[in-house]
Amino acid sequence: MFNAMRAFHHRNPCVIGTLAPGPYRTPFYGLICDGVHTHATAVAMAYHTHPEGAILVSDAISAMGDQHGPGTPTRLGTQSVEVGTKHAVIAGTNRLAGSVMKFDDGVRLFRNYTVCSQTEALEAASLHAAKFLNVHPRKGCLNLGSDADFIIVDDELNVLQTYIAGQLAWQRSINK
């Protein structure tokens, strides 16, 4: 939502107008919550207009987690990019190349922007995408018979453990 999209107009509401209540089916929509791609107010407006359709997505590129730090030049395919603290740009421009934030950082930003509950933020990060992809209830929930892919988070939504098919696949280092 909002990226490469025509602006809202009262006579032609375009894509944003589909979020409004009406006789038609309201859509699922993706939001990149990295503090760069979409302004906090726009995220909150979309979410509070149609919360059941919000799907959190990442625009993270391979430089995410790069140990070299902000300002380090790197490559994205054939493009030279400059890495910042939240995003990367095509070298020598201000054109976004992608995000370098971890997905759980985006979930926390989404929660801050929308003042939603932890449960609502996690639903936007998992359940809504599973419904959109028609893989719910096998994915996106912990019902009897589901695949048991889930995470354990702390009160600040930091990921502590990741389970795939009910088996521990990753655990946060105790030293972090």
N, C-alpha and C. Protein backbone atom coordinates (compact mmCIF):
# COMPACT_ATOMS: atom_id res chain seq x y z
N MET A 1 0.84 -1.16 0.00
CA MET A 1 0.00 0.00 0.00
C MET A 1 0.90 1.24 0.00
N PHE A 2 0.56 2.20 -0.78
CA PHE A 2 1.18 3.52 -0.88
C PHE A 2 2.42 3.58 -1.76
N ASN A 3 3.13 2.49 -1.98
CA ASN A 3 4.34 2.54 -2.81
C ASN A 3 3.96 2.43 -4.28
N ALA A 4 4.44 3.36 -5.10
CA ALA A 4 4.17 3.40 -6.55
C ALA A 4 2.66 3.40 -6.81
N MET A 5 1.93 4.17 -6.05
CA MET A 5 0.48 4.21 -6.11
C MET A 5 0.01 5.63 -6.40
N ARG A 6 -1.04 5.75 -7.23
CA ARG A 6 -1.61 7.08 -7.47
C ARG A 6 -2.21 7.62 -6.18
N ALA A 7 -2.20 8.92 -6.06
CA ALA A 7 -2.71 9.59 -4.86
C ALA A 7 -4.23 9.49 -4.76
N PHE A 8 -4.72 9.51 -3.53
CA PHE A 8 -6.16 9.52 -3.26
C PHE A 8 -6.75 10.84 -3.77
N HIS A 9 -7.90 10.74 -4.42
CA HIS A 9 -8.64 11.93 -4.87
C HIS A 9 -10.11 11.69 -4.59
N HIS A 10 -10.84 12.73 -4.21
CA HIS A 10 -12.24 12.55 -3.81
C HIS A 10 -13.13 12.07 -4.95
N ARG A 11 -12.75 12.25 -6.20
CA ARG A 11 -13.54 11.76 -7.33
C ARG A 11 -13.01 10.44 -7.89
N ASN A 12 -11.80 10.11 -7.54
CA ASN A 12 -11.19 8.86 -7.99
C ASN A 12 -10.29 8.35 -6.87
N PRO A 13 -10.86 7.60 -5.93
CA PRO A 13 -10.10 7.21 -4.73
C PRO A 13 -8.98 6.21 -4.98
N CYS A 14 -8.90 5.63 -6.17
CA CYS A 14 -7.84 4.68 -6.51
C CYS A 14 -7.77 3.54 -5.50
N VAL A 15 -6.58 3.00 -5.32
CA VAL A 15 -6.40 1.83 -4.47
C VAL A 15 -6.79 2.11 -3.02
N ILE A 16 -6.41 3.24 -2.49
CA ILE A 16 -6.69 3.54 -1.08
C ILE A 16 -8.19 3.52 -0.80
N GLY A 17 -9.00 3.87 -1.79
CA GLY A 17 -10.45 3.86 -1.63
C GLY A 17 -11.04 2.49 -1.41
N THR A 18 -10.33 1.44 -1.80
CA THR A 18 -10.86 0.08 -1.61
C THR A 18 -10.85 -0.34 -0.14
N LEU A 19 -10.15 0.39 0.71
CA LEU A 19 -10.14 0.06 2.13
C LEU A 19 -11.41 0.52 2.84
N ALA A 20 -12.11 1.46 2.25
CA ALA A 20 -13.31 2.01 2.88
C ALA A 20 -14.43 0.98 2.94
N PRO A 21 -15.27 1.04 3.98
CA PRO A 21 -16.40 0.12 4.06
C PRO A 21 -17.32 0.31 2.86
N GLY A 22 -17.91 -0.77 2.42
CA GLY A 22 -18.84 -0.69 1.29
C GLY A 22 -19.36 -2.07 0.95
N PRO A 23 -20.13 -2.16 -0.14
CA PRO A 23 -20.75 -3.43 -0.51
C PRO A 23 -19.78 -4.42 -1.14
N TYR A 24 -18.57 -4.01 -1.43
CA TYR A 24 -17.60 -4.87 -2.08
C TYR A 24 -16.68 -5.51 -1.05
N ARG A 25 -16.00 -6.55 -1.46
CA ARG A 25 -15.05 -7.24 -0.58
C ARG A 25 -13.85 -6.33 -0.35
N THR A 26 -13.50 -6.11 0.91
CA THR A 26 -12.33 -5.29 1.20
C THR A 26 -11.07 -6.15 1.06
N PRO A 27 -9.99 -5.55 0.63
CA PRO A 27 -8.80 -6.31 0.24
C PRO A 27 -7.82 -6.56 1.38
N PHE A 28 -6.88 -7.44 1.08
CA PHE A 28 -5.66 -7.52 1.86
C PHE A 28 -4.69 -6.52 1.23
N TYR A 29 -3.81 -5.96 2.03
CA TYR A 29 -2.85 -4.98 1.52
C TYR A 29 -1.56 -5.09 2.31
N GLY A 30 -0.45 -4.88 1.63
CA GLY A 30 0.86 -4.98 2.27
C GLY A 30 1.37 -3.64 2.73
N LEU A 31 2.04 -3.64 3.87
CA LEU A 31 2.64 -2.44 4.43
C LEU A 31 4.10 -2.72 4.79
N ILE A 32 4.99 -1.86 4.33
CA ILE A 32 6.39 -1.93 4.72
C ILE A 32 6.58 -0.93 5.85
N CYS A 33 6.84 -1.43 7.04
CA CYS A 33 6.98 -0.57 8.23
C CYS A 33 8.44 -0.51 8.64
N ASP A 34 9.19 0.29 7.92
CA ASP A 34 10.61 0.44 8.25
C ASP A 34 10.97 1.88 8.59
N GLY A 35 9.96 2.75 8.67
CA GLY A 35 10.21 4.15 8.98
C GLY A 35 10.70 4.95 7.79
N VAL A 36 10.76 4.32 6.61
CA VAL A 36 11.24 4.99 5.41
C VAL A 36 10.21 4.89 4.28
N HIS A 37 9.79 3.67 3.95
CA HIS A 37 8.90 3.45 2.82
C HIS A 37 7.53 4.10 3.00
N THR A 38 6.99 4.04 4.20
CA THR A 38 5.63 4.52 4.46
C THR A 38 5.61 5.30 5.77
N HIS A 39 5.05 6.49 5.73
CA HIS A 39 4.97 7.35 6.92
C HIS A 39 4.07 6.71 7.97
N ALA A 40 4.38 6.94 9.23
CA ALA A 40 3.62 6.38 10.35
C ALA A 40 2.13 6.71 10.26
N THR A 41 1.79 7.92 9.86
CA THR A 41 0.39 8.33 9.75
C THR A 41 -0.33 7.53 8.68
N ALA A 42 0.33 7.29 7.55
CA ALA A 42 -0.27 6.51 6.47
C ALA A 42 -0.50 5.06 6.91
N VAL A 43 0.46 4.49 7.63
CA VAL A 43 0.30 3.13 8.15
C VAL A 43 -0.89 3.07 9.09
N ALA A 44 -0.97 4.00 10.03
CA ALA A 44 -2.07 4.02 11.00
C ALA A 44 -3.41 4.22 10.31
N MET A 45 -3.47 5.10 9.32
CA MET A 45 -4.72 5.35 8.60
C MET A 45 -5.20 4.09 7.89
N ALA A 46 -4.32 3.43 7.17
CA ALA A 46 -4.70 2.20 6.46
C ALA A 46 -5.15 1.13 7.44
N TYR A 47 -4.37 0.93 8.49
CA TYR A 47 -4.69 -0.12 9.46
C TYR A 47 -6.04 0.14 10.13
N HIS A 48 -6.27 1.34 10.59
CA HIS A 48 -7.52 1.62 11.32
C HIS A 48 -8.73 1.67 10.39
N THR A 49 -8.51 1.83 9.10
CA THR A 49 -9.61 1.77 8.14
C THR A 49 -10.02 0.33 7.89
N HIS A 50 -9.04 -0.57 7.78
CA HIS A 50 -9.33 -1.99 7.51
C HIS A 50 -8.26 -2.87 8.16
N PRO A 51 -8.33 -3.08 9.48
CA PRO A 51 -7.28 -3.83 10.18
C PRO A 51 -7.17 -5.29 9.76
N GLU A 52 -8.27 -5.92 9.37
CA GLU A 52 -8.24 -7.34 9.03
C GLU A 52 -7.48 -7.62 7.73
N GLY A 53 -7.20 -6.58 6.95
CA GLY A 53 -6.50 -6.78 5.68
C GLY A 53 -5.02 -6.49 5.72
N ALA A 54 -4.52 -5.94 6.82
CA ALA A 54 -3.11 -5.53 6.90
C ALA A 54 -2.18 -6.73 6.90
N ILE A 55 -1.22 -6.72 5.99
CA ILE A 55 -0.18 -7.74 5.93
C ILE A 55 1.17 -7.02 5.99
N LEU A 56 1.93 -7.30 7.02
CA LEU A 56 3.26 -6.70 7.13
C LEU A 56 4.22 -7.43 6.21
N VAL A 57 4.97 -6.67 5.45
CA VAL A 57 5.95 -7.25 4.53
C VAL A 57 7.29 -6.56 4.74
N SER A 58 8.32 -7.22 4.30
CA SER A 58 9.67 -6.67 4.39
C SER A 58 10.16 -6.36 2.99
N ASP A 59 10.90 -5.31 2.86
CA ASP A 59 11.58 -4.98 1.61
C ASP A 59 13.08 -5.13 1.84
N ALA A 60 13.44 -5.99 2.79
CA ALA A 60 14.85 -6.15 3.16
C ALA A 60 15.65 -6.77 2.02
N ILE A 61 16.84 -6.26 1.84
CA ILE A 61 17.76 -6.78 0.83
C ILE A 61 18.87 -7.55 1.52
N SER A 62 19.74 -8.14 0.73
CA SER A 62 20.80 -8.99 1.29
C SER A 62 21.74 -8.25 2.23
N ALA A 63 21.79 -6.93 2.17
CA ALA A 63 22.66 -6.16 3.07
C ALA A 63 22.11 -6.10 4.49
N MET A 64 20.88 -6.56 4.71
CA MET A 64 20.33 -6.57 6.06
C MET A 64 21.23 -7.44 6.95
N GLY A 65 21.58 -6.93 8.08
CA GLY A 65 22.45 -7.67 8.97
C GLY A 65 23.92 -7.62 8.58
N ASP A 66 24.24 -6.86 7.54
CA ASP A 66 25.62 -6.72 7.10
C ASP A 66 26.44 -6.16 8.26
N GLN A 67 27.51 -6.78 8.57
CA GLN A 67 28.33 -6.41 9.72
C GLN A 67 29.18 -5.16 9.49
N HIS A 68 29.17 -4.63 8.27
CA HIS A 68 30.04 -3.49 7.97
C HIS A 68 29.46 -2.16 8.44
N GLY A 69 28.16 -2.06 8.65
CA GLY A 69 27.56 -0.86 9.19
C GLY A 69 27.14 0.16 8.16
N PRO A 70 26.43 1.20 8.63
CA PRO A 70 25.92 2.26 7.75
C PRO A 70 27.04 2.95 6.98
N GLY A 71 26.70 3.32 5.75
CA GLY A 71 27.65 4.02 4.89
C GLY A 71 28.52 3.10 4.07
N THR A 72 28.45 1.82 4.33
CA THR A 72 29.27 0.85 3.62
C THR A 72 28.69 0.60 2.23
N PRO A 73 29.49 0.76 1.18
CA PRO A 73 29.00 0.42 -0.15
C PRO A 73 28.91 -1.10 -0.31
N THR A 74 27.90 -1.55 -1.01
CA THR A 74 27.73 -2.97 -1.29
C THR A 74 27.03 -3.10 -2.63
N ARG A 75 26.73 -4.31 -3.03
CA ARG A 75 26.07 -4.54 -4.32
C ARG A 75 24.74 -5.24 -4.10
N LEU A 76 23.79 -4.88 -4.96
CA LEU A 76 22.49 -5.54 -5.03
C LEU A 76 22.32 -5.92 -6.49
N GLY A 77 22.61 -7.18 -6.80
CA GLY A 77 22.65 -7.58 -8.20
C GLY A 77 23.76 -6.83 -8.90
N THR A 78 23.41 -6.10 -9.95
CA THR A 78 24.41 -5.34 -10.69
C THR A 78 24.53 -3.90 -10.20
N GLN A 79 23.66 -3.51 -9.26
CA GLN A 79 23.63 -2.13 -8.76
C GLN A 79 24.56 -1.96 -7.56
N SER A 80 25.23 -0.83 -7.52
CA SER A 80 26.00 -0.45 -6.35
C SER A 80 25.05 0.30 -5.42
N VAL A 81 25.01 -0.09 -4.15
CA VAL A 81 24.11 0.55 -3.19
C VAL A 81 24.88 1.00 -1.96
N GLU A 82 24.33 2.02 -1.30
CA GLU A 82 24.89 2.54 -0.05
C GLU A 82 23.93 2.19 1.07
N VAL A 83 24.44 1.56 2.11
CA VAL A 83 23.62 1.08 3.21
C VAL A 83 23.52 2.13 4.30
N GLY A 84 22.30 2.41 4.75
CA GLY A 84 22.05 3.29 5.89
C GLY A 84 21.66 2.47 7.10
N THR A 85 21.11 3.11 8.12
CA THR A 85 20.71 2.39 9.33
C THR A 85 19.40 1.65 9.15
N LYS A 86 18.49 2.18 8.31
CA LYS A 86 17.19 1.55 8.09
C LYS A 86 17.00 1.07 6.66
N HIS A 87 17.71 1.67 5.72
CA HIS A 87 17.47 1.36 4.32
C HIS A 87 18.76 1.53 3.51
N ALA A 88 18.67 1.10 2.27
CA ALA A 88 19.78 1.26 1.33
C ALA A 88 19.28 2.04 0.13
N VAL A 89 20.16 2.82 -0.48
CA VAL A 89 19.83 3.59 -1.68
C VAL A 89 20.79 3.22 -2.79
N ILE A 90 20.33 3.43 -4.04
CA ILE A 90 21.22 3.26 -5.18
C ILE A 90 22.35 4.27 -5.01
N ALA A 91 23.58 3.81 -5.16
CA ALA A 91 24.76 4.66 -4.92
C ALA A 91 24.66 5.97 -5.69
N GLY A 92 24.94 7.08 -4.98
CA GLY A 92 24.94 8.40 -5.59
C GLY A 92 23.57 9.01 -5.78
N THR A 93 22.51 8.35 -5.27
CA THR A 93 21.14 8.87 -5.41
C THR A 93 20.43 8.78 -4.07
N ASN A 94 19.18 9.23 -4.05
CA ASN A 94 18.31 9.03 -2.89
C ASN A 94 17.25 7.98 -3.19
N ARG A 95 17.40 7.24 -4.29
CA ARG A 95 16.41 6.25 -4.71
C ARG A 95 16.54 4.98 -3.86
N LEU A 96 15.43 4.59 -3.23
CA LEU A 96 15.44 3.42 -2.36
C LEU A 96 15.81 2.16 -3.11
N ALA A 97 16.70 1.38 -2.53
CA ALA A 97 17.05 0.07 -3.06
C ALA A 97 16.40 -1.02 -2.23
N GLY A 98 16.02 -0.70 -1.00
CA GLY A 98 15.38 -1.66 -0.12
C GLY A 98 15.66 -1.32 1.33
N SER A 99 15.08 -2.12 2.18
CA SER A 99 15.23 -1.95 3.62
C SER A 99 16.39 -2.80 4.12
N VAL A 100 16.95 -2.42 5.26
CA VAL A 100 17.96 -3.26 5.91
C VAL A 100 17.55 -3.55 7.36
N MET A 101 16.26 -3.36 7.64
CA MET A 101 15.74 -3.65 8.99
C MET A 101 15.27 -5.09 9.08
N LYS A 102 15.41 -5.67 10.27
CA LYS A 102 14.87 -7.00 10.52
C LYS A 102 13.35 -6.91 10.57
N PHE A 103 12.68 -8.00 10.20
CA PHE A 103 11.22 -8.01 10.15
C PHE A 103 10.61 -7.71 11.51
N ASP A 104 11.18 -8.25 12.59
CA ASP A 104 10.59 -7.99 13.91
C ASP A 104 10.72 -6.52 14.32
N ASP A 105 11.74 -5.82 13.81
CA ASP A 105 11.81 -4.37 14.04
C ASP A 105 10.63 -3.68 13.38
N GLY A 106 10.26 -4.14 12.19
CA GLY A 106 9.10 -3.59 11.49
C GLY A 106 7.80 -3.87 12.21
N VAL A 107 7.69 -5.04 12.82
CA VAL A 107 6.48 -5.37 13.60
C VAL A 107 6.36 -4.42 14.79
N ARG A 108 7.48 -4.15 15.45
CA ARG A 108 7.45 -3.21 16.57
C ARG A 108 7.08 -1.79 16.11
N LEU A 109 7.64 -1.36 14.98
CA LEU A 109 7.26 -0.04 14.44
C LEU A 109 5.77 0.00 14.11
N PHE A 110 5.26 -1.06 13.50
CA PHE A 110 3.83 -1.14 13.17
C PHE A 110 2.99 -0.97 14.43
N ARG A 111 3.38 -1.66 15.48
CA ARG A 111 2.64 -1.56 16.75
C ARG A 111 2.70 -0.13 17.29
N ASN A 112 3.85 0.50 17.22
CA ASN A 112 3.98 1.89 17.67
C ASN A 112 3.14 2.84 16.81
N TYR A 113 3.18 2.65 15.50
CA TYR A 113 2.44 3.53 14.59
C TYR A 113 0.93 3.42 14.79
N THR A 114 0.44 2.20 15.01
CA THR A 114 -1.00 1.95 15.04
C THR A 114 -1.58 1.89 16.45
N VAL A 115 -0.72 1.78 17.46
CA VAL A 115 -1.13 1.60 18.85
C VAL A 115 -2.05 0.38 18.97
N CYS A 116 -1.74 -0.65 18.20
CA CYS A 116 -2.51 -1.89 18.28
C CYS A 116 -1.92 -2.79 19.36
N SER A 117 -2.60 -3.87 19.66
CA SER A 117 -2.12 -4.81 20.66
C SER A 117 -1.01 -5.68 20.07
N GLN A 118 -0.30 -6.39 20.94
CA GLN A 118 0.71 -7.34 20.46
C GLN A 118 0.07 -8.39 19.57
N THR A 119 -1.08 -8.89 19.99
CA THR A 119 -1.79 -9.91 19.21
C THR A 119 -2.13 -9.38 17.83
N GLU A 120 -2.65 -8.16 17.75
CA GLU A 120 -3.01 -7.59 16.44
C GLU A 120 -1.79 -7.39 15.56
N ALA A 121 -0.68 -6.98 16.14
CA ALA A 121 0.56 -6.81 15.37
C ALA A 121 1.04 -8.15 14.83
N LEU A 122 1.01 -9.18 15.67
CA LEU A 122 1.45 -10.50 15.23
C LEU A 122 0.50 -11.10 14.19
N GLU A 123 -0.79 -10.80 14.29
CA GLU A 123 -1.74 -11.25 13.26
C GLU A 123 -1.43 -10.59 11.92
N ALA A 124 -1.08 -9.31 11.93
CA ALA A 124 -0.72 -8.62 10.69
C ALA A 124 0.58 -9.19 10.12
N ALA A 125 1.43 -9.73 10.97
CA ALA A 125 2.71 -10.30 10.54
C ALA A 125 2.60 -11.75 10.08
N SER A 126 1.50 -12.44 10.41
CA SER A 126 1.43 -13.86 10.08
C SER A 126 0.05 -14.33 9.62
N LEU A 127 -0.95 -14.19 10.46
CA LEU A 127 -2.29 -14.73 10.18
C LEU A 127 -2.88 -14.16 8.89
N HIS A 128 -2.81 -12.85 8.71
CA HIS A 128 -3.43 -12.23 7.54
C HIS A 128 -2.77 -12.71 6.24
N ALA A 129 -1.46 -12.87 6.24
CA ALA A 129 -0.77 -13.38 5.05
C ALA A 129 -1.19 -14.81 4.76
N ALA A 130 -1.33 -15.62 5.80
CA ALA A 130 -1.77 -17.01 5.62
C ALA A 130 -3.17 -17.07 5.02
N LYS A 131 -4.05 -16.19 5.47
CA LYS A 131 -5.40 -16.14 4.91
C LYS A 131 -5.36 -15.69 3.45
N PHE A 132 -4.57 -14.66 3.15
CA PHE A 132 -4.45 -14.17 1.78
C PHE A 132 -3.93 -15.26 0.84
N LEU A 133 -2.97 -16.05 1.30
CA LEU A 133 -2.37 -17.11 0.49
C LEU A 133 -3.17 -18.40 0.50
N ASN A 134 -4.30 -18.40 1.20
CA ASN A 134 -5.17 -19.58 1.31
C ASN A 134 -4.44 -20.79 1.91
N VAL A 135 -3.56 -20.54 2.87
CA VAL A 135 -2.89 -21.64 3.57
C VAL A 135 -3.32 -21.71 5.04
N HIS A 136 -4.27 -20.87 5.42
CA HIS A 136 -4.85 -20.92 6.76
C HIS A 136 -5.99 -21.93 6.72
N PRO A 137 -6.15 -22.82 7.67
CA PRO A 137 -5.58 -22.86 9.01
C PRO A 137 -4.33 -23.72 9.15
N ARG A 138 -3.73 -24.19 8.04
CA ARG A 138 -2.49 -24.96 8.16
C ARG A 138 -1.34 -24.07 8.63
N LYS A 139 -1.32 -22.80 8.18
CA LYS A 139 -0.29 -21.83 8.56
C LYS A 139 -0.97 -20.63 9.21
N GLY A 140 -0.21 -19.86 9.97
CA GLY A 140 -0.72 -18.62 10.55
C GLY A 140 -1.45 -18.78 11.86
N CYS A 141 -1.49 -19.99 12.39
CA CYS A 141 -2.18 -20.23 13.66
C CYS A 141 -1.59 -21.48 14.32
N LEU A 142 -2.04 -21.74 15.53
CA LEU A 142 -1.59 -22.93 16.26
C LEU A 142 -2.78 -23.80 16.61
N ASN A 143 -3.60 -24.11 15.64
CA ASN A 143 -4.74 -24.99 15.85
C ASN A 143 -4.31 -26.44 15.73
N LEU A 144 -5.11 -27.34 16.27
CA LEU A 144 -4.87 -28.77 16.12
C LEU A 144 -4.80 -29.09 14.63
N GLY A 145 -3.71 -29.72 14.21
CA GLY A 145 -3.53 -30.08 12.82
C GLY A 145 -2.77 -29.05 11.99
N SER A 146 -2.45 -27.91 12.58
CA SER A 146 -1.66 -26.91 11.84
C SER A 146 -0.20 -27.36 11.81
N ASP A 147 0.61 -26.68 11.00
CA ASP A 147 2.01 -27.09 10.80
C ASP A 147 2.92 -26.79 11.99
N ALA A 148 2.48 -26.04 12.95
CA ALA A 148 3.26 -25.71 14.15
C ALA A 148 4.55 -24.97 13.81
N ASP A 149 4.45 -24.01 12.89
CA ASP A 149 5.53 -23.06 12.63
C ASP A 149 5.20 -21.82 13.45
N PHE A 150 6.05 -21.48 14.40
CA PHE A 150 5.73 -20.35 15.28
C PHE A 150 7.00 -19.78 15.90
N ILE A 151 6.83 -18.61 16.51
CA ILE A 151 7.94 -17.96 17.22
C ILE A 151 7.53 -17.72 18.67
N ILE A 152 8.52 -17.61 19.52
CA ILE A 152 8.34 -17.18 20.90
C ILE A 152 8.95 -15.79 20.98
N VAL A 153 8.18 -14.83 21.52
CA VAL A 153 8.65 -13.45 21.63
C VAL A 153 8.58 -13.00 23.08
N ASP A 154 9.36 -11.96 23.39
CA ASP A 154 9.27 -11.36 24.72
C ASP A 154 8.22 -10.25 24.69
N ASP A 155 8.09 -9.52 25.78
CA ASP A 155 7.08 -8.47 25.88
C ASP A 155 7.28 -7.34 24.88
N GLU A 156 8.49 -7.17 24.37
CA GLU A 156 8.78 -6.12 23.39
C GLU A 156 8.76 -6.65 21.96
N LEU A 157 8.27 -7.87 21.77
CA LEU A 157 8.18 -8.53 20.47
C LEU A 157 9.53 -8.86 19.85
N ASN A 158 10.56 -9.03 20.69
CA ASN A 158 11.84 -9.54 20.20
C ASN A 158 11.73 -11.05 20.08
N VAL A 159 12.18 -11.58 18.96
CA VAL A 159 12.09 -13.02 18.74
C VAL A 159 13.13 -13.73 19.61
N LEU A 160 12.66 -14.68 20.41
CA LEU A 160 13.53 -15.46 21.28
C LEU A 160 13.81 -16.84 20.69
N GLN A 161 12.79 -17.43 20.07
CA GLN A 161 12.93 -18.76 19.47
C GLN A 161 12.05 -18.86 18.24
N THR A 162 12.49 -19.70 17.29
CA THR A 162 11.71 -20.01 16.10
C THR A 162 11.55 -21.52 16.02
N TYR A 163 10.32 -21.96 15.79
CA TYR A 163 10.01 -23.37 15.64
C TYR A 163 9.45 -23.61 14.25
N ILE A 164 9.90 -24.68 13.61
CA ILE A 164 9.38 -25.10 12.31
C ILE A 164 8.92 -26.53 12.46
N ALA A 165 7.66 -26.78 12.10
CA ALA A 165 7.04 -28.10 12.26
C ALA A 165 7.19 -28.59 13.70
N GLY A 166 7.08 -27.67 14.64
CA GLY A 166 7.13 -28.01 16.05
C GLY A 166 8.52 -28.24 16.61
N GLN A 167 9.55 -28.09 15.78
CA GLN A 167 10.92 -28.33 16.21
C GLN A 167 11.68 -27.01 16.32
N LEU A 168 12.46 -26.85 17.38
CA LEU A 168 13.27 -25.65 17.56
C LEU A 168 14.25 -25.53 16.40
N ALA A 169 14.16 -24.41 15.66
CA ALA A 169 15.03 -24.18 14.51
C ALA A 169 16.06 -23.10 14.77
N TRP A 170 15.75 -22.18 15.70
CA TRP A 170 16.66 -21.08 16.00
C TRP A 170 16.37 -20.59 17.41
N GLN A 171 17.43 -20.19 18.11
CA GLN A 171 17.28 -19.62 19.44
C GLN A 171 18.20 -18.42 19.57
N ARG A 172 17.66 -17.35 20.14
CA ARG A 172 18.44 -16.13 20.34
C ARG A 172 19.58 -16.41 21.30
N SER A 173 20.72 -15.83 21.02
CA SER A 173 21.89 -15.98 21.88
C SER A 173 21.60 -15.36 23.24
N ILE A 174 22.03 -16.00 24.28
CA ILE A 174 21.83 -15.49 25.64
C ILE A 174 22.58 -14.18 25.85
N ASN A 175 23.67 -13.97 25.12
CA ASN A 175 24.51 -12.78 25.29
C ASN A 175 23.91 -11.52 24.68
N LYS A 176 22.83 -11.62 23.90
CA LYS A 176 22.26 -10.43 23.24
C LYS A 176 21.44 -9.61 24.18
